[in-house]
Amino acid sequence: MGQSWSGIKKRLEQDLLCEKLRGRVRYFITKYRKAHDEESRIAILIDEKEVIRGNIYDFYREANPLIDKIRAEQEIPRRSWNGKEILYDNENKEIEERVDEICIDKGIIDPYLQKLLIFTYTIQ
């Protein structure tokens, strides 16, 4: 069974930080259960100042133009649909994975992946 958010948060804030940062770095995930699609927000604070934040609306408003620019620079075609393929056909999947890798390298991380990435980091 996976760790709870409180367990992950405790490990991030206490066990995985150097002595000088303990007590200064805090992590937050807020899930709006009554919102459409149970939208959520993530934030990382250092000395009570929000240095990293993410939510689905800001991400897509700000990231989509950047993703389109990356696709154009790398000459990566848009995913093509003709009604005959299945949702995750191999050619399109490889293209999307390439775009995802470039985005993560540039720090453009889909909010749906942020909690997964934090969780993956804590179990390594």
PDB file of N, CA and C in Angstrom:
ATOM      1  N   MET A   1       0.843  -1.187   0.000  1.00  0.00           N
ATOM      2  CA  MET A   1       0.000   0.000   0.000  1.00  0.00           C
ATOM      3  C   MET A   1       0.883   1.244   0.000  1.00  0.00           C
ATOM      4  N   GLY A   2       0.465   2.290  -0.728  1.00  0.00           N
ATOM      5  CA  GLY A   2       1.242   3.516  -0.821  1.00  0.00           C
ATOM      6  C   GLY A   2       1.223   4.320   0.461  1.00  0.00           C
ATOM      7  N   GLN A   3       2.184   5.209   0.551  1.00  0.00           N
ATOM      8  CA  GLN A   3       2.258   6.079   1.716  1.00  0.00           C
ATOM      9  C   GLN A   3       1.167   7.143   1.647  1.00  0.00           C
ATOM     10  N   SER A   4       0.753   7.615   2.804  1.00  0.00           N
ATOM     11  CA  SER A   4      -0.203   8.718   2.849  1.00  0.00           C
ATOM     12  C   SER A   4       0.547  10.017   2.563  1.00  0.00           C
ATOM     13  N   TRP A   5      -0.208  11.062   2.184  1.00  0.00           N
ATOM     14  CA  TRP A   5       0.420  12.354   1.945  1.00  0.00           C
ATOM     15  C   TRP A   5       1.110  12.857   3.207  1.00  0.00           C
ATOM     16  N   SER A   6       0.493  12.667   4.372  1.00  0.00           N
ATOM     17  CA  SER A   6       1.121  13.159   5.606  1.00  0.00           C
ATOM     18  C   SER A   6       2.460  12.457   5.847  1.00  0.00           C
ATOM     19  N   GLY A   7       2.550  11.169   5.511  1.00  0.00           N
ATOM     20  CA  GLY A   7       3.812  10.446   5.657  1.00  0.00           C
ATOM     21  C   GLY A   7       4.865  10.937   4.682  1.00  0.00           C
ATOM     22  N   ILE A   8       4.441  11.168   3.440  1.00  0.00           N
ATOM     23  CA  ILE A   8       5.367  11.688   2.431  1.00  0.00           C
ATOM     24  C   ILE A   8       5.839  13.079   2.830  1.00  0.00           C
ATOM     25  N   LYS A   9       4.900  13.917   3.279  1.00  0.00           N
ATOM     26  CA  LYS A   9       5.223  15.291   3.673  1.00  0.00           C
ATOM     27  C   LYS A   9       6.218  15.300   4.829  1.00  0.00           C
ATOM     28  N   LYS A  10       5.985  14.462   5.821  1.00  0.00           N
ATOM     29  CA  LYS A  10       6.895  14.385   6.971  1.00  0.00           C
ATOM     30  C   LYS A  10       8.296  13.982   6.515  1.00  0.00           C
ATOM     31  N   ARG A  11       8.351  12.999   5.640  1.00  0.00           N
ATOM     32  CA  ARG A  11       9.654  12.536   5.157  1.00  0.00           C
ATOM     33  C   ARG A  11      10.361  13.631   4.362  1.00  0.00           C
ATOM     34  N   LEU A  12       9.618  14.339   3.505  1.00  0.00           N
ATOM     35  CA  LEU A  12      10.202  15.424   2.721  1.00  0.00           C
ATOM     36  C   LEU A  12      10.695  16.562   3.607  1.00  0.00           C
ATOM     37  N   GLU A  13       9.895  16.931   4.613  1.00  0.00           N
ATOM     38  CA  GLU A  13      10.222  18.094   5.439  1.00  0.00           C
ATOM     39  C   GLU A  13      11.243  17.796   6.525  1.00  0.00           C
ATOM     40  N   GLN A  14      11.384  16.542   6.913  1.00  0.00           N
ATOM     41  CA  GLN A  14      12.289  16.236   8.020  1.00  0.00           C
ATOM     42  C   GLN A  14      13.451  15.336   7.612  1.00  0.00           C
ATOM     43  N   ASP A  15      13.135  14.210   6.987  1.00  0.00           N
ATOM     44  CA  ASP A  15      14.171  13.213   6.743  1.00  0.00           C
ATOM     45  C   ASP A  15      15.058  13.521   5.541  1.00  0.00           C
ATOM     46  N   LEU A  16      14.515  14.157   4.515  1.00  0.00           N
ATOM     47  CA  LEU A  16      15.265  14.343   3.275  1.00  0.00           C
ATOM     48  C   LEU A  16      15.874  15.730   3.120  1.00  0.00           C
ATOM     49  N   LEU A  17      15.769  16.566   4.132  1.00  0.00           N
ATOM     50  CA  LEU A  17      16.342  17.908   4.067  1.00  0.00           C
ATOM     51  C   LEU A  17      17.592  18.003   4.932  1.00  0.00           C
ATOM     52  N   CYS A  18      18.518  18.861   4.509  1.00  0.00           N
ATOM     53  CA  CYS A  18      19.690  19.102   5.346  1.00  0.00           C
ATOM     54  C   CYS A  18      19.246  19.875   6.590  1.00  0.00           C
ATOM     55  N   GLU A  19      20.085  19.886   7.583  1.00  0.00           N
ATOM     56  CA  GLU A  19      19.752  20.501   8.878  1.00  0.00           C
ATOM     57  C   GLU A  19      19.336  21.972   8.734  1.00  0.00           C
ATOM     58  N   LYS A  20      20.012  22.726   7.875  1.00  0.00           N
ATOM     59  CA  LYS A  20      19.721  24.159   7.734  1.00  0.00           C
ATOM     60  C   LYS A  20      18.350  24.438   7.113  1.00  0.00           C
ATOM     61  N   LEU A  21      17.823  23.493   6.348  1.00  0.00           N
ATOM     62  CA  LEU A  21      16.521  23.709   5.708  1.00  0.00           C
ATOM     63  C   LEU A  21      15.352  23.156   6.510  1.00  0.00           C
ATOM     64  N   ARG A  22      15.616  22.306   7.472  1.00  0.00           N
ATOM     65  CA  ARG A  22      14.520  21.737   8.271  1.00  0.00           C
ATOM     66  C   ARG A  22      13.773  22.845   9.002  1.00  0.00           C
ATOM     67  N   GLY A  23      12.464  22.802   8.889  1.00  0.00           N
ATOM     68  CA  GLY A  23      11.627  23.822   9.517  1.00  0.00           C
ATOM     69  C   GLY A  23      11.413  25.039   8.636  1.00  0.00           C
ATOM     70  N   ARG A  24      12.180  25.155   7.565  1.00  0.00           N
ATOM     71  CA  ARG A  24      12.050  26.296   6.661  1.00  0.00           C
ATOM     72  C   ARG A  24      11.282  25.940   5.391  1.00  0.00           C
ATOM     73  N   VAL A  25      11.288  24.663   5.012  1.00  0.00           N
ATOM     74  CA  VAL A  25      10.634  24.219   3.778  1.00  0.00           C
ATOM     75  C   VAL A  25       9.350  23.487   4.136  1.00  0.00           C
ATOM     76  N   ARG A  26       8.248  23.883   3.478  1.00  0.00           N
ATOM     77  CA  ARG A  26       6.964  23.211   3.709  1.00  0.00           C
ATOM     78  C   ARG A  26       6.310  22.896   2.371  1.00  0.00           C
ATOM     79  N   TYR A  27       5.599  21.781   2.353  1.00  0.00           N
ATOM     80  CA  TYR A  27       4.920  21.308   1.146  1.00  0.00           C
ATOM     81  C   TYR A  27       3.419  21.259   1.415  1.00  0.00           C
ATOM     82  N   PHE A  28       2.637  21.663   0.410  1.00  0.00           N
ATOM     83  CA  PHE A  28       1.183  21.628   0.548  1.00  0.00           C
ATOM     84  C   PHE A  28       0.545  21.026  -0.692  1.00  0.00           C
ATOM     85  N   ILE A  29      -0.438  20.198  -0.480  1.00  0.00           N
ATOM     86  CA  ILE A  29      -1.323  19.748  -1.552  1.00  0.00           C
ATOM     87  C   ILE A  29      -2.737  19.958  -1.035  1.00  0.00           C
ATOM     88  N   THR A  30      -3.510  20.715  -1.777  1.00  0.00           N
ATOM     89  CA  THR A  30      -4.902  20.963  -1.421  1.00  0.00           C
ATOM     90  C   THR A  30      -5.769  20.369  -2.513  1.00  0.00           C
ATOM     91  N   LYS A  31      -6.702  19.541  -2.127  1.00  0.00           N
ATOM     92  CA  LYS A  31      -7.613  18.921  -3.095  1.00  0.00           C
ATOM     93  C   LYS A  31      -9.013  19.476  -2.852  1.00  0.00           C
ATOM     94  N   TYR A  32      -9.596  20.048  -3.896  1.00  0.00           N
ATOM     95  CA  TYR A  32     -10.933  20.614  -3.809  1.00  0.00           C
ATOM     96  C   TYR A  32     -11.925  19.539  -4.240  1.00  0.00           C
ATOM     97  N   ARG A  33     -12.404  18.781  -3.296  1.00  0.00           N
ATOM     98  CA  ARG A  33     -13.222  17.605  -3.587  1.00  0.00           C
ATOM     99  C   ARG A  33     -14.553  17.933  -4.272  1.00  0.00           C
ATOM    100  N   LYS A  34     -15.102  19.107  -4.002  1.00  0.00           N
ATOM    101  CA  LYS A  34     -16.392  19.453  -4.602  1.00  0.00           C
ATOM    102  C   LYS A  34     -16.242  20.170  -5.939  1.00  0.00           C
ATOM    103  N   ALA A  35     -15.010  20.451  -6.336  1.00  0.00           N
ATOM    104  CA  ALA A  35     -14.770  21.110  -7.618  1.00  0.00           C
ATOM    105  C   ALA A  35     -14.845  20.090  -8.748  1.00  0.00           C
ATOM    106  N   HIS A  36     -15.056  20.599  -9.933  1.00  0.00           N
ATOM    107  CA  HIS A  36     -15.089  19.735 -11.114  1.00  0.00           C
ATOM    108  C   HIS A  36     -13.764  18.978 -11.223  1.00  0.00           C
ATOM    109  N   ASP A  37     -13.816  17.692 -11.411  1.00  0.00           N
ATOM    110  CA  ASP A  37     -12.637  16.823 -11.523  1.00  0.00           C
ATOM    111  C   ASP A  37     -11.768  16.829 -10.265  1.00  0.00           C
ATOM    112  N   GLU A  38     -12.338  17.218  -9.128  1.00  0.00           N
ATOM    113  CA  GLU A  38     -11.597  17.268  -7.863  1.00  0.00           C
ATOM    114  C   GLU A  38     -10.253  17.973  -8.047  1.00  0.00           C
ATOM    115  N   GLU A  39     -10.289  19.162  -8.623  1.00  0.00           N
ATOM    116  CA  GLU A  39      -9.091  19.937  -8.908  1.00  0.00           C
ATOM    117  C   GLU A  39      -8.254  20.108  -7.650  1.00  0.00           C
ATOM    118  N   SER A  40      -6.945  20.217  -7.826  1.00  0.00           N
ATOM    119  CA  SER A  40      -6.067  20.369  -6.669  1.00  0.00           C
ATOM    120  C   SER A  40      -4.996  21.410  -6.951  1.00  0.00           C
ATOM    121  N   ARG A  41      -4.284  21.755  -5.896  1.00  0.00           N
ATOM    122  CA  ARG A  41      -3.237  22.765  -5.956  1.00  0.00           C
ATOM    123  C   ARG A  41      -2.057  22.252  -5.159  1.00  0.00           C
ATOM    124  N   ILE A  42      -0.850  22.515  -5.629  1.00  0.00           N
ATOM    125  CA  ILE A  42       0.356  22.116  -4.919  1.00  0.00           C
ATOM    126  C   ILE A  42       1.221  23.356  -4.721  1.00  0.00           C
ATOM    127  N   ALA A  43       1.912  23.428  -3.588  1.00  0.00           N
ATOM    128  CA  ALA A  43       2.797  24.560  -3.328  1.00  0.00           C
ATOM    129  C   ALA A  43       3.967  24.113  -2.465  1.00  0.00           C
ATOM    130  N   ILE A  44       5.111  24.729  -2.719  1.00  0.00           N
ATOM    131  CA  ILE A  44       6.293  24.521  -1.885  1.00  0.00           C
ATOM    132  C   ILE A  44       6.702  25.892  -1.373  1.00  0.00           C
ATOM    133  N   LEU A  45       6.819  26.009  -0.048  1.00  0.00           N
ATOM    134  CA  LEU A  45       7.175  27.265   0.587  1.00  0.00           C
ATOM    135  C   LEU A  45       8.548  27.149   1.230  1.00  0.00           C
ATOM    136  N   ILE A  46       9.337  28.196   1.086  1.00  0.00           N
ATOM    137  CA  ILE A  46      10.615  28.298   1.793  1.00  0.00           C
ATOM    138  C   ILE A  46      10.569  29.610   2.550  1.00  0.00           C
ATOM    139  N   ASP A  47      10.769  29.537   3.856  1.00  0.00           N
ATOM    140  CA  ASP A  47      10.679  30.717   4.732  1.00  0.00           C
ATOM    141  C   ASP A  47       9.360  31.457   4.515  1.00  0.00           C
ATOM    142  N   GLU A  48       8.268  30.698   4.435  1.00  0.00           N
ATOM    143  CA  GLU A  48       6.903  31.207   4.274  1.00  0.00           C
ATOM    144  C   GLU A  48       6.662  31.902   2.933  1.00  0.00           C
ATOM    145  N   LYS A  49       7.607  31.806   1.996  1.00  0.00           N
ATOM    146  CA  LYS A  49       7.424  32.391   0.670  1.00  0.00           C
ATOM    147  C   LYS A  49       7.173  31.259  -0.323  1.00  0.00           C
ATOM    148  N   GLU A  50       6.093  31.382  -1.086  1.00  0.00           N
ATOM    149  CA  GLU A  50       5.736  30.364  -2.064  1.00  0.00           C
ATOM    150  C   GLU A  50       6.702  30.454  -3.246  1.00  0.00           C
ATOM    151  N   VAL A  51       7.536  29.423  -3.402  1.00  0.00           N
ATOM    152  CA  VAL A  51       8.528  29.432  -4.473  1.00  0.00           C
ATOM    153  C   VAL A  51       8.123  28.553  -5.652  1.00  0.00           C
ATOM    154  N   ILE A  52       7.312  27.550  -5.400  1.00  0.00           N
ATOM    155  CA  ILE A  52       6.794  26.693  -6.464  1.00  0.00           C
ATOM    156  C   ILE A  52       5.312  26.497  -6.208  1.00  0.00           C
ATOM    157  N   ARG A  53       4.524  26.670  -7.261  1.00  0.00           N
ATOM    158  CA  ARG A  53       3.095  26.448  -7.111  1.00  0.00           C
ATOM    159  C   ARG A  53       2.590  25.810  -8.390  1.00  0.00           C
ATOM    160  N   GLY A  54       1.501  25.144  -8.260  1.00  0.00           N
ATOM    161  CA  GLY A  54       0.925  24.539  -9.443  1.00  0.00           C
ATOM    162  C   GLY A  54      -0.543  24.236  -9.249  1.00  0.00           C
ATOM    163  N   ASN A  55      -1.288  24.498 -10.279  1.00  0.00           N
ATOM    164  CA  ASN A  55      -2.671  24.042 -10.339  1.00  0.00           C
ATOM    165  C   ASN A  55      -3.008  23.826 -11.803  1.00  0.00           C
ATOM    166  N   ILE A  56      -4.015  23.074 -12.048  1.00  0.00           N
ATOM    167  CA  ILE A  56      -4.315  22.628 -13.400  1.00  0.00           C
ATOM    168  C   ILE A  56      -4.631  23.781 -14.345  1.00  0.00           C
ATOM    169  N   TYR A  57      -5.318  24.814 -13.864  1.00  0.00           N
ATOM    170  CA  TYR A  57      -5.707  25.914 -14.739  1.00  0.00           C
ATOM    171  C   TYR A  57      -4.510  26.753 -15.152  1.00  0.00           C
ATOM    172  N   ASP A  58      -3.653  27.124 -14.191  1.00  0.00           N
ATOM    173  CA  ASP A  58      -2.450  27.882 -14.529  1.00  0.00           C
ATOM    174  C   ASP A  58      -1.536  27.076 -15.436  1.00  0.00           C
ATOM    175  N   PHE A  59      -1.422  25.791 -15.141  1.00  0.00           N
ATOM    176  CA  PHE A  59      -0.529  24.956 -15.943  1.00  0.00           C
ATOM    177  C   PHE A  59      -0.927  24.979 -17.411  1.00  0.00           C
ATOM    178  N   TYR A  60      -2.178  24.681 -17.704  1.00  0.00           N
ATOM    179  CA  TYR A  60      -2.573  24.600 -19.107  1.00  0.00           C
ATOM    180  C   TYR A  60      -2.588  25.962 -19.785  1.00  0.00           C
ATOM    181  N   ARG A  61      -2.901  27.023 -19.071  1.00  0.00           N
ATOM    182  CA  ARG A  61      -2.894  28.358 -19.659  1.00  0.00           C
ATOM    183  C   ARG A  61      -1.466  28.777 -20.018  1.00  0.00           C
ATOM    184  N   GLU A  62      -0.505  28.471 -19.131  1.00  0.00           N
ATOM    185  CA  GLU A  62       0.871  28.894 -19.346  1.00  0.00           C
ATOM    186  C   GLU A  62       1.696  27.871 -20.123  1.00  0.00           C
ATOM    187  N   ALA A  63       1.428  26.596 -19.935  1.00  0.00           N
ATOM    188  CA  ALA A  63       2.278  25.560 -20.527  1.00  0.00           C
ATOM    189  C   ALA A  63       1.922  25.229 -21.967  1.00  0.00           C
ATOM    190  N   ASN A  64       0.660  25.302 -22.328  1.00  0.00           N
ATOM    191  CA  ASN A  64       0.292  24.913 -23.692  1.00  0.00           C
ATOM    192  C   ASN A  64       1.046  25.688 -24.770  1.00  0.00           C
ATOM    193  N   PRO A  65       1.190  27.025 -24.657  1.00  0.00           N
ATOM    194  CA  PRO A  65       1.988  27.729 -25.671  1.00  0.00           C
ATOM    195  C   PRO A  65       3.452  27.268 -25.681  1.00  0.00           C
ATOM    196  N   LEU A  66       4.011  26.966 -24.508  1.00  0.00           N
ATOM    197  CA  LEU A  66       5.389  26.480 -24.448  1.00  0.00           C
ATOM    198  C   LEU A  66       5.517  25.102 -25.080  1.00  0.00           C
ATOM    199  N   ILE A  67       4.553  24.240 -24.813  1.00  0.00           N
ATOM    200  CA  ILE A  67       4.569  22.899 -25.405  1.00  0.00           C
ATOM    201  C   ILE A  67       4.445  22.999 -26.925  1.00  0.00           C
ATOM    202  N   ASP A  68       3.581  23.889 -27.411  1.00  0.00           N
ATOM    203  CA  ASP A  68       3.450  24.083 -28.861  1.00  0.00           C
ATOM    204  C   ASP A  68       4.759  24.582 -29.466  1.00  0.00           C
ATOM    205  N   LYS A  69       5.454  25.475 -28.758  1.00  0.00           N
ATOM    206  CA  LYS A  69       6.742  25.988 -29.230  1.00  0.00           C
ATOM    207  C   LYS A  69       7.782  24.866 -29.287  1.00  0.00           C
ATOM    208  N   ILE A  70       7.825  24.029 -28.266  1.00  0.00           N
ATOM    209  CA  ILE A  70       8.756  22.895 -28.246  1.00  0.00           C
ATOM    210  C   ILE A  70       8.462  21.957 -29.408  1.00  0.00           C
ATOM    211  N   ARG A  71       7.186  21.664 -29.621  1.00  0.00           N
ATOM    212  CA  ARG A  71       6.806  20.789 -30.746  1.00  0.00           C
ATOM    213  C   ARG A  71       7.296  21.373 -32.076  1.00  0.00           C
ATOM    214  N   ALA A  72       7.122  22.686 -32.262  1.00  0.00           N
ATOM    215  CA  ALA A  72       7.538  23.322 -33.513  1.00  0.00           C
ATOM    216  C   ALA A  72       9.060  23.284 -33.663  1.00  0.00           C
ATOM    217  N   GLU A  73       9.793  23.625 -32.582  1.00  0.00           N
ATOM    218  CA  GLU A  73      11.258  23.618 -32.634  1.00  0.00           C
ATOM    219  C   GLU A  73      11.814  22.229 -32.917  1.00  0.00           C
ATOM    220  N   GLN A  74      11.218  21.218 -32.317  1.00  0.00           N
ATOM    221  CA  GLN A  74      11.697  19.839 -32.468  1.00  0.00           C
ATOM    222  C   GLN A  74      11.064  19.124 -33.666  1.00  0.00           C
ATOM    223  N   GLU A  75      10.187  19.840 -34.375  1.00  0.00           N
ATOM    224  CA  GLU A  75       9.459  19.275 -35.511  1.00  0.00           C
ATOM    225  C   GLU A  75       8.715  17.996 -35.121  1.00  0.00           C
ATOM    226  N   ILE A  76       8.052  18.063 -33.974  1.00  0.00           N
ATOM    227  CA  ILE A  76       7.267  16.932 -33.475  1.00  0.00           C
ATOM    228  C   ILE A  76       5.826  17.144 -33.919  1.00  0.00           C
ATOM    229  N   PRO A  77       5.290  16.208 -34.684  1.00  0.00           N
ATOM    230  CA  PRO A  77       3.921  16.401 -35.177  1.00  0.00           C
ATOM    231  C   PRO A  77       2.888  16.248 -34.063  1.00  0.00           C
ATOM    232  N   ARG A  78       1.758  16.890 -34.271  1.00  0.00           N
ATOM    233  CA  ARG A  78       0.630  16.695 -33.353  1.00  0.00           C
ATOM    234  C   ARG A  78       0.145  15.269 -33.485  1.00  0.00           C
ATOM    235  N   ARG A  79      -0.438  14.778 -32.433  1.00  0.00           N
ATOM    236  CA  ARG A  79      -0.982  13.422 -32.460  1.00  0.00           C
ATOM    237  C   ARG A  79      -2.102  13.365 -33.499  1.00  0.00           C
ATOM    238  N   SER A  80      -2.033  12.397 -34.375  1.00  0.00           N
ATOM    239  CA  SER A  80      -3.034  12.318 -35.443  1.00  0.00           C
ATOM    240  C   SER A  80      -4.065  11.241 -35.133  1.00  0.00           C
ATOM    241  N   TRP A  81      -5.297  11.573 -35.425  1.00  0.00           N
ATOM    242  CA  TRP A  81      -6.405  10.643 -35.178  1.00  0.00           C
ATOM    243  C   TRP A  81      -7.204  10.504 -36.458  1.00  0.00           C
ATOM    244  N   ASN A  82      -7.449   9.266 -36.846  1.00  0.00           N
ATOM    245  CA  ASN A  82      -8.290   9.045 -38.017  1.00  0.00           C
ATOM    246  C   ASN A  82      -9.483   8.160 -37.677  1.00  0.00           C
ATOM    247  N   GLY A  83      -9.652   7.855 -36.408  1.00  0.00           N
ATOM    248  CA  GLY A  83     -10.790   7.071 -35.971  1.00  0.00           C
ATOM    249  C   GLY A  83     -10.555   5.574 -35.996  1.00  0.00           C
ATOM    250  N   LYS A  84      -9.409   5.144 -36.521  1.00  0.00           N
ATOM    251  CA  LYS A  84      -9.146   3.715 -36.627  1.00  0.00           C
ATOM    252  C   LYS A  84      -8.168   3.201 -35.571  1.00  0.00           C
ATOM    253  N   GLU A  85      -7.401   4.111 -34.981  1.00  0.00           N
ATOM    254  CA  GLU A  85      -6.402   3.676 -34.008  1.00  0.00           C
ATOM    255  C   GLU A  85      -6.998   3.576 -32.612  1.00  0.00           C
ATOM    256  N   ILE A  86      -6.280   2.902 -31.753  1.00  0.00           N
ATOM    257  CA  ILE A  86      -6.701   2.840 -30.358  1.00  0.00           C
ATOM    258  C   ILE A  86      -6.090   4.031 -29.636  1.00  0.00           C
ATOM    259  N   LEU A  87      -6.521   4.262 -28.423  1.00  0.00           N
ATOM    260  CA  LEU A  87      -6.110   5.463 -27.696  1.00  0.00           C
ATOM    261  C   LEU A  87      -4.598   5.596 -27.578  1.00  0.00           C
ATOM    262  N   TYR A  88      -3.910   4.535 -27.249  1.00  0.00           N
ATOM    263  CA  TYR A  88      -2.464   4.630 -27.052  1.00  0.00           C
ATOM    264  C   TYR A  88      -1.710   3.803 -28.085  1.00  0.00           C
ATOM    265  N   ASP A  89      -1.820   4.161 -29.348  1.00  0.00           N
ATOM    266  CA  ASP A  89      -1.064   3.443 -30.363  1.00  0.00           C
ATOM    267  C   ASP A  89       0.419   3.793 -30.221  1.00  0.00           C
ATOM    268  N   ASN A  90       1.299   2.885 -30.641  1.00  0.00           N
ATOM    269  CA  ASN A  90       2.736   3.016 -30.376  1.00  0.00           C
ATOM    270  C   ASN A  90       3.376   4.259 -30.967  1.00  0.00           C
ATOM    271  N   GLU A  91       3.092   4.582 -32.217  1.00  0.00           N
ATOM    272  CA  GLU A  91       3.730   5.738 -32.845  1.00  0.00           C
ATOM    273  C   GLU A  91       3.379   7.021 -32.104  1.00  0.00           C
ATOM    274  N   ASN A  92       2.102   7.232 -31.852  1.00  0.00           N
ATOM    275  CA  ASN A  92       1.682   8.428 -31.130  1.00  0.00           C
ATOM    276  C   ASN A  92       2.205   8.427 -29.702  1.00  0.00           C
ATOM    277  N   LYS A  93       2.253   7.268 -29.062  1.00  0.00           N
ATOM    278  CA  LYS A  93       2.743   7.182 -27.691  1.00  0.00           C
ATOM    279  C   LYS A  93       4.209   7.608 -27.627  1.00  0.00           C
ATOM    280  N   GLU A  94       5.021   7.170 -28.583  1.00  0.00           N
ATOM    281  CA  GLU A  94       6.433   7.552 -28.616  1.00  0.00           C
ATOM    282  C   GLU A  94       6.590   9.058 -28.799  1.00  0.00           C
ATOM    283  N   ILE A  95       5.777   9.652 -29.658  1.00  0.00           N
ATOM    284  CA  ILE A  95       5.819  11.099 -29.876  1.00  0.00           C
ATOM    285  C   ILE A  95       5.467  11.829 -28.584  1.00  0.00           C
ATOM    286  N   GLU A  96       4.396  11.416 -27.919  1.00  0.00           N
ATOM    287  CA  GLU A  96       3.972  12.067 -26.681  1.00  0.00           C
ATOM    288  C   GLU A  96       5.016  11.902 -25.578  1.00  0.00           C
ATOM    289  N   GLU A  97       5.639  10.741 -25.483  1.00  0.00           N
ATOM    290  CA  GLU A  97       6.682  10.530 -24.473  1.00  0.00           C
ATOM    291  C   GLU A  97       7.875  11.441 -24.726  1.00  0.00           C
ATOM    292  N   ARG A  98       8.209  11.652 -25.990  1.00  0.00           N
ATOM    293  CA  ARG A  98       9.311  12.561 -26.325  1.00  0.00           C
ATOM    294  C   ARG A  98       8.982  13.987 -25.889  1.00  0.00           C
ATOM    295  N   VAL A  99       7.771  14.426 -26.157  1.00  0.00           N
ATOM    296  CA  VAL A  99       7.342  15.765 -25.728  1.00  0.00           C
ATOM    297  C   VAL A  99       7.362  15.858 -24.202  1.00  0.00           C
ATOM    298  N   ASP A 100       6.850  14.837 -23.513  1.00  0.00           N
ATOM    299  CA  ASP A 100       6.843  14.838 -22.046  1.00  0.00           C
ATOM    300  C   ASP A 100       8.258  14.936 -21.488  1.00  0.00           C
ATOM    301  N   GLU A 101       9.205  14.196 -22.050  1.00  0.00           N
ATOM    302  CA  GLU A 101      10.596  14.238 -21.579  1.00  0.00           C
ATOM    303  C   GLU A 101      11.189  15.631 -21.742  1.00  0.00           C
ATOM    304  N   ILE A 102      10.958  16.255 -22.894  1.00  0.00           N
ATOM    305  CA  ILE A 102      11.465  17.605 -23.137  1.00  0.00           C
ATOM    306  C   ILE A 102      10.850  18.581 -22.140  1.00  0.00           C
ATOM    307  N   CYS A 103       9.544  18.470 -21.908  1.00  0.00           N
ATOM    308  CA  CYS A 103       8.860  19.367 -20.969  1.00  0.00           C
ATOM    309  C   CYS A 103       9.410  19.205 -19.559  1.00  0.00           C
ATOM    310  N   ILE A 104       9.590  17.977 -19.103  1.00  0.00           N
ATOM    311  CA  ILE A 104      10.113  17.746 -17.753  1.00  0.00           C
ATOM    312  C   ILE A 104      11.523  18.301 -17.642  1.00  0.00           C
ATOM    313  N   ASP A 105      12.355  18.117 -18.682  1.00  0.00           N
ATOM    314  CA  ASP A 105      13.712  18.673 -18.672  1.00  0.00           C
ATOM    315  C   ASP A 105      13.694  20.189 -18.559  1.00  0.00           C
ATOM    316  N   LYS A 106      12.666  20.829 -19.121  1.00  0.00           N
ATOM    317  CA  LYS A 106      12.559  22.287 -19.064  1.00  0.00           C
ATOM    318  C   LYS A 106      11.784  22.769 -17.836  1.00  0.00           C
ATOM    319  N   GLY A 107      11.350  21.835 -16.990  1.00  0.00           N
ATOM    320  CA  GLY A 107      10.638  22.207 -15.772  1.00  0.00           C
ATOM    321  C   GLY A 107       9.155  22.437 -15.966  1.00  0.00           C
ATOM    322  N   ILE A 108       8.602  21.992 -17.080  1.00  0.00           N
ATOM    323  CA  ILE A 108       7.170  22.128 -17.338  1.00  0.00           C
ATOM    324  C   ILE A 108       6.535  20.800 -16.955  1.00  0.00           C
ATOM    325  N   ILE A 109       5.964  20.746 -15.761  1.00  0.00           N
ATOM    326  CA  ILE A 109       5.467  19.476 -15.237  1.00  0.00           C
ATOM    327  C   ILE A 109       3.960  19.551 -15.038  1.00  0.00           C
ATOM    328  N   ASP A 110       3.260  18.652 -15.676  1.00  0.00           N
ATOM    329  CA  ASP A 110       1.809  18.566 -15.560  1.00  0.00           C
ATOM    330  C   ASP A 110       1.429  18.386 -14.089  1.00  0.00           C
ATOM    331  N   PRO A 111       0.479  19.183 -13.591  1.00  0.00           N
ATOM    332  CA  PRO A 111       0.085  19.059 -12.180  1.00  0.00           C
ATOM    333  C   PRO A 111      -0.321  17.653 -11.772  1.00  0.00           C
ATOM    334  N   TYR A 112      -0.874  16.879 -12.696  1.00  0.00           N
ATOM    335  CA  TYR A 112      -1.255  15.518 -12.352  1.00  0.00           C
ATOM    336  C   TYR A 112      -0.033  14.663 -12.028  1.00  0.00           C
ATOM    337  N   LEU A 113       1.132  15.052 -12.549  1.00  0.00           N
ATOM    338  CA  LEU A 113       2.351  14.291 -12.295  1.00  0.00           C
ATOM    339  C   LEU A 113       3.115  14.769 -11.069  1.00  0.00           C
ATOM    340  N   GLN A 114       2.841  15.980 -10.587  1.00  0.00           N
ATOM    341  CA  GLN A 114       3.640  16.546  -9.507  1.00  0.00           C
ATOM    342  C   GLN A 114       3.630  15.678  -8.262  1.00  0.00           C
ATOM    343  N   LYS A 115       2.473  15.240  -7.820  1.00  0.00           N
ATOM    344  CA  LYS A 115       2.408  14.408  -6.616  1.00  0.00           C
ATOM    345  C   LYS A 115       3.104  13.075  -6.860  1.00  0.00           C
ATOM    346  N   LEU A 116       2.932  12.506  -8.046  1.00  0.00           N
ATOM    347  CA  LEU A 116       3.596  11.247  -8.384  1.00  0.00           C
ATOM    348  C   LEU A 116       5.115  11.417  -8.359  1.00  0.00           C
ATOM    349  N   LEU A 117       5.626  12.528  -8.896  1.00  0.00           N
ATOM    350  CA  LEU A 117       7.066  12.758  -8.897  1.00  0.00           C
ATOM    351  C   LEU A 117       7.600  12.929  -7.480  1.00  0.00           C
ATOM    352  N   ILE A 118       6.865  13.652  -6.633  1.00  0.00           N
ATOM    353  CA  ILE A 118       7.282  13.807  -5.237  1.00  0.00           C
ATOM    354  C   ILE A 118       7.277  12.456  -4.543  1.00  0.00           C
ATOM    355  N   PHE A 119       6.239  11.673  -4.747  1.00  0.00           N
ATOM    356  CA  PHE A 119       6.151  10.350  -4.131  1.00  0.00           C
ATOM    357  C   PHE A 119       7.301   9.465  -4.604  1.00  0.00           C
ATOM    358  N   THR A 120       7.582   9.475  -5.901  1.00  0.00           N
ATOM    359  CA  THR A 120       8.674   8.666  -6.448  1.00  0.00           C
ATOM    360  C   THR A 120      10.000   9.077  -5.828  1.00  0.00           C
ATOM    361  N   TYR A 121      10.208  10.385  -5.651  1.00  0.00           N
ATOM    362  CA  TYR A 121      11.449  10.883  -5.054  1.00  0.00           C
ATOM    363  C   TYR A 121      11.601  10.394  -3.617  1.00  0.00           C
ATOM    364  N   THR A 122      10.524  10.355  -2.871  1.00  0.00           N
ATOM    365  CA  THR A 122      10.625   9.983  -1.454  1.00  0.00           C
ATOM    366  C   THR A 122      10.880   8.505  -1.247  1.00  0.00           C
ATOM    367  N   ILE A 123      10.528   7.654  -2.202  1.00  0.00           N
ATOM    368  CA  ILE A 123      10.734   6.221  -1.996  1.00  0.00           C
ATOM    369  C   ILE A 123      12.065   5.740  -2.557  1.00  0.00           C
ATOM    370  N   GLN A 124      12.815   6.603  -3.203  1.00  0.00           N
ATOM    371  CA  GLN A 124      14.117   6.200  -3.749  1.00  0.00           C
ATOM    372  C   GLN A 124      15.191   6.231  -2.699  1.00  0.00           C
TER     373      GLN A 124
END
